[in-house]
Protein backbone atom coordinates (compact mmCIF):
# COMPACT_ATOMS: atom_id res chain seq x y z
CA MET A 1 188.37 -212.92 73.86
CA ALA A 2 186.86 -212.45 77.32
CA ARG A 3 186.48 -209.03 78.87
CA PRO A 4 188.91 -208.27 81.68
CA LEU A 5 187.48 -208.63 85.16
CA ARG A 6 186.65 -205.51 87.14
CA ILE A 7 188.90 -204.72 90.07
CA GLU A 8 186.54 -204.57 93.02
CA TYR A 9 187.26 -204.33 96.73
CA ASP A 10 185.72 -202.81 99.84
CA GLY A 11 186.19 -199.05 99.87
CA ALA A 12 187.16 -198.74 96.19
CA LEU A 13 186.54 -195.43 94.42
CA TYR A 14 185.69 -195.23 90.70
CA HIS A 15 185.13 -192.68 87.97
CA VAL A 16 182.26 -194.35 86.11
CA THR A 17 181.03 -193.31 82.67
CA SER A 18 178.55 -194.70 80.20
CA ARG A 19 177.69 -193.36 76.76
CA GLY A 20 174.51 -193.62 74.72
CA ASN A 21 174.26 -196.29 72.05
CA ALA A 22 175.66 -194.88 68.77
CA ARG A 23 176.44 -191.73 70.81
CA LYS A 24 172.73 -190.91 70.91
CA SER A 25 171.04 -189.12 73.79
CA ILE A 26 170.31 -191.18 76.88
CA PHE A 27 167.81 -188.61 78.17
CA ALA A 28 164.73 -187.48 76.22
CA GLY A 29 164.21 -184.66 78.72
CA ASP A 30 164.46 -183.55 82.32
CA ASP A 31 162.00 -186.20 83.50
CA ASP A 32 164.40 -188.90 82.29
CA ARG A 33 167.25 -187.21 84.15
CA LYS A 34 165.16 -187.22 87.34
CA ILE A 35 164.36 -190.90 86.79
CA PHE A 36 168.07 -191.64 86.36
CA LEU A 37 168.96 -189.84 89.62
CA ASP A 38 166.09 -191.56 91.45
CA THR A 39 167.32 -194.92 90.14
CA LEU A 40 170.86 -194.05 91.24
CA ALA A 41 169.56 -193.20 94.74
CA LYS A 42 167.85 -196.61 94.98
CA VAL A 43 170.98 -198.39 93.76
CA ASN A 44 173.08 -196.44 96.27
CA GLU A 45 170.79 -197.58 99.06
CA LYS A 46 170.56 -201.21 97.96
CA TYR A 47 174.28 -201.67 97.26
CA ASN A 48 175.64 -199.24 99.85
CA PHE A 49 177.22 -196.99 97.20
CA LEU A 50 178.37 -193.46 97.96
CA CYS A 51 178.05 -191.03 95.06
CA HIS A 52 180.45 -188.12 95.62
CA ALA A 53 179.88 -186.37 92.26
CA TYR A 54 177.84 -186.75 89.10
CA CYS A 55 177.20 -185.03 85.80
CA LEU A 56 174.46 -185.97 83.36
CA MET A 57 175.26 -184.83 79.83
CA ASN A 58 172.95 -185.47 76.88
CA ASN A 59 174.60 -188.62 75.57
CA HIS A 60 176.62 -189.83 78.57
CA TYR A 61 177.02 -189.57 82.32
CA HIS A 62 179.88 -189.33 84.80
CA LEU A 63 179.74 -190.65 88.37
CA LEU A 64 182.26 -190.66 91.20
CA ILE A 65 181.24 -193.77 93.14
CA GLU A 66 182.70 -195.30 96.28
CA THR A 67 181.83 -198.92 97.06
CA PRO A 68 182.23 -199.74 100.77
CA ASP A 69 181.22 -203.34 99.97
CA GLY A 70 183.28 -203.91 96.80
CA ASN A 71 180.25 -204.53 94.58
CA LEU A 72 180.46 -202.06 91.69
CA SER A 73 179.46 -204.55 88.96
CA GLU A 74 176.25 -205.60 90.69
CA GLY A 75 175.12 -202.05 91.32
CA MET A 76 176.02 -200.74 87.87
CA ARG A 77 174.23 -203.64 86.18
CA GLN A 78 171.18 -202.64 88.22
CA LEU A 79 171.53 -198.90 87.48
CA ASN A 80 171.95 -199.19 83.72
CA GLY A 81 169.46 -202.06 83.42
CA ILE A 82 166.63 -200.48 85.39
CA TYR A 83 167.18 -197.07 83.81
CA THR A 84 167.09 -198.64 80.32
CA GLN A 85 163.78 -200.36 81.11
CA ARG A 86 162.24 -197.18 82.50
CA TYR A 87 163.57 -195.03 79.63
CA ASN A 88 162.26 -197.41 76.98
CA ARG A 89 158.86 -197.74 78.65
CA ARG A 90 158.47 -193.95 79.10
CA ASN A 91 159.62 -193.11 75.58
CA LYS A 92 157.97 -196.08 73.83
CA LYS A 93 161.29 -197.44 72.56
CA THR A 94 163.04 -200.78 72.55
CA GLY A 95 166.63 -201.95 72.57
CA HIS A 96 169.86 -200.63 74.00
CA VAL A 97 170.15 -197.20 75.55
CA PHE A 98 173.84 -197.52 76.43
CA GLN A 99 176.74 -198.34 74.13
CA GLY A 100 178.23 -201.48 75.60
CA ARG A 101 179.33 -201.84 79.16
CA TYR A 102 180.03 -198.87 81.42
CA LYS A 103 183.65 -197.79 81.94
CA ALA A 104 185.06 -197.63 85.45
CA ILE A 105 188.47 -196.21 86.28
CA LEU A 106 189.79 -197.08 89.72
CA ILE A 107 190.78 -193.89 91.58
CA GLN A 108 193.25 -193.43 94.44
CA LYS A 109 191.10 -191.60 96.96
CA GLU A 110 193.96 -189.86 98.76
CA ASN A 111 195.51 -188.51 95.56
CA HIS A 112 192.72 -188.02 93.04
CA LEU A 113 189.32 -187.68 94.73
CA LEU A 114 189.14 -183.90 94.36
CA GLU A 115 190.66 -183.77 90.87
CA VAL A 116 188.18 -186.30 89.51
CA CYS A 117 185.29 -184.53 91.23
CA ARG A 118 186.33 -181.25 89.60
CA TYR A 119 186.80 -182.95 86.23
CA ILE A 120 183.26 -184.37 86.44
CA VAL A 121 181.47 -181.15 87.38
CA LEU A 122 183.37 -179.15 84.75
CA ASN A 123 182.35 -181.51 81.93
CA PRO A 124 179.58 -179.18 80.62
CA VAL A 125 182.01 -176.23 80.65
CA ARG A 126 184.62 -178.16 78.66
CA ALA A 127 181.87 -179.21 76.23
CA ARG A 128 180.97 -175.51 75.86
CA ALA A 129 177.38 -176.18 76.89
CA VAL A 130 177.71 -173.53 79.63
CA THR A 131 180.33 -171.04 80.78
CA SER A 132 180.12 -171.90 84.49
CA PRO A 133 179.38 -175.18 86.29
CA LYS A 134 176.71 -173.32 88.28
CA GLU A 135 174.68 -173.00 85.05
CA TRP A 136 174.41 -176.77 84.47
CA LYS A 137 171.34 -178.13 86.23
CA TRP A 138 172.30 -181.80 86.04
CA SER A 139 175.52 -182.06 88.01
CA SER A 140 176.45 -182.25 91.67
CA TYR A 141 178.30 -178.91 91.56
CA LYS A 142 175.52 -176.64 92.90
CA ALA A 143 174.70 -179.00 95.78
CA THR A 144 178.32 -179.45 96.83
CA ALA A 145 178.97 -175.71 96.45
CA GLY A 146 176.03 -174.93 98.75
CA PHE A 147 173.73 -173.34 96.17
CA GLU A 148 170.99 -175.97 96.51
CA LYS A 149 169.96 -179.00 98.53
CA PRO A 150 171.72 -182.22 97.42
CA TYR A 151 169.70 -184.67 95.36
CA ASN A 152 168.96 -187.84 97.35
CA CYS A 153 171.58 -189.82 95.40
CA LEU A 154 174.48 -187.54 96.42
CA THR A 155 176.67 -187.39 99.50
CA THR A 156 178.66 -184.16 99.80
CA ASP A 157 180.38 -184.78 103.14
CA CYS A 158 183.47 -186.57 101.82
CA ILE A 159 184.26 -183.81 99.33
CA LEU A 160 183.54 -180.93 101.70
CA GLU A 161 185.59 -182.49 104.53
CA GLN A 162 188.64 -182.01 102.31
CA PHE A 163 188.13 -178.23 102.58
CA GLY A 164 187.47 -177.81 106.30
CA ASP A 165 185.20 -178.51 109.26
CA LYS A 166 182.74 -175.66 108.84
CA LYS A 167 180.29 -176.42 106.05
CA ARG A 168 179.86 -172.84 104.73
CA ASP A 169 183.63 -172.27 104.64
CA ALA A 170 184.20 -175.66 103.00
CA GLU A 171 181.59 -174.88 100.31
CA LYS A 172 183.32 -171.58 99.55
CA GLU A 173 186.72 -173.30 99.33
CA TYR A 174 185.24 -175.96 97.06
CA ARG A 175 183.89 -173.27 94.71
CA GLY A 176 187.36 -171.72 94.52
CA PHE A 177 188.94 -175.12 93.90
CA VAL A 178 186.61 -175.82 90.97
CA ARG A 179 187.28 -172.34 89.51
CA SER A 180 191.02 -173.00 89.59
CA GLU A 181 190.76 -175.91 87.14
CA ARG A 182 193.98 -177.37 85.83
CA ASN A 183 194.63 -177.72 82.13
CA TRP A 184 193.83 -181.39 81.47
CA SER A 185 195.13 -181.51 77.90
CA HIS A 186 198.51 -182.95 78.92
CA ILE A 187 196.80 -185.67 80.96
CA LEU A 188 194.14 -186.50 78.39
CA ASN A 189 196.55 -186.27 75.45
CA CYS A 190 194.35 -183.81 73.56
CA GLU A 191 196.59 -180.83 73.01
């Protein structure tokens, strides 16, 4: 049975995830995480992607990607493929890094952009790896919240514009928004 086609169109917004093969780690260390983000930055430039949020966990990643040119499949094939090659070469391994194809959920920008962004940056808190999103080095939270300069793969403007015109005020409002997380158990069916 053939896989269903991806829904792709200009301006589409996706919550993209990919998990390590056999749920194993996809990063051997911080250098691999930097390589992943550098690869994402190159893919963003080549395919005109906008990354509004990200979180790199040990055995999976989350991205909030907008595709002005409706080309998610091309860019994601490049991201996962190039990262796999670089990871295997660096770590003297062979074979798959990722478990199957990435997952991409189409998001309604007007209704769910902020909720999905918050969900992504709170992933390490929900996994009990940290108690605050500010403690997790490998997510977009600190950059969007104004605690550090954004990594070159991230655009914070779209998220911050939802909270106001003045950047400092918008960053403060964003921090409050993330702190006021909703209980997702009813949505995720994991009561």
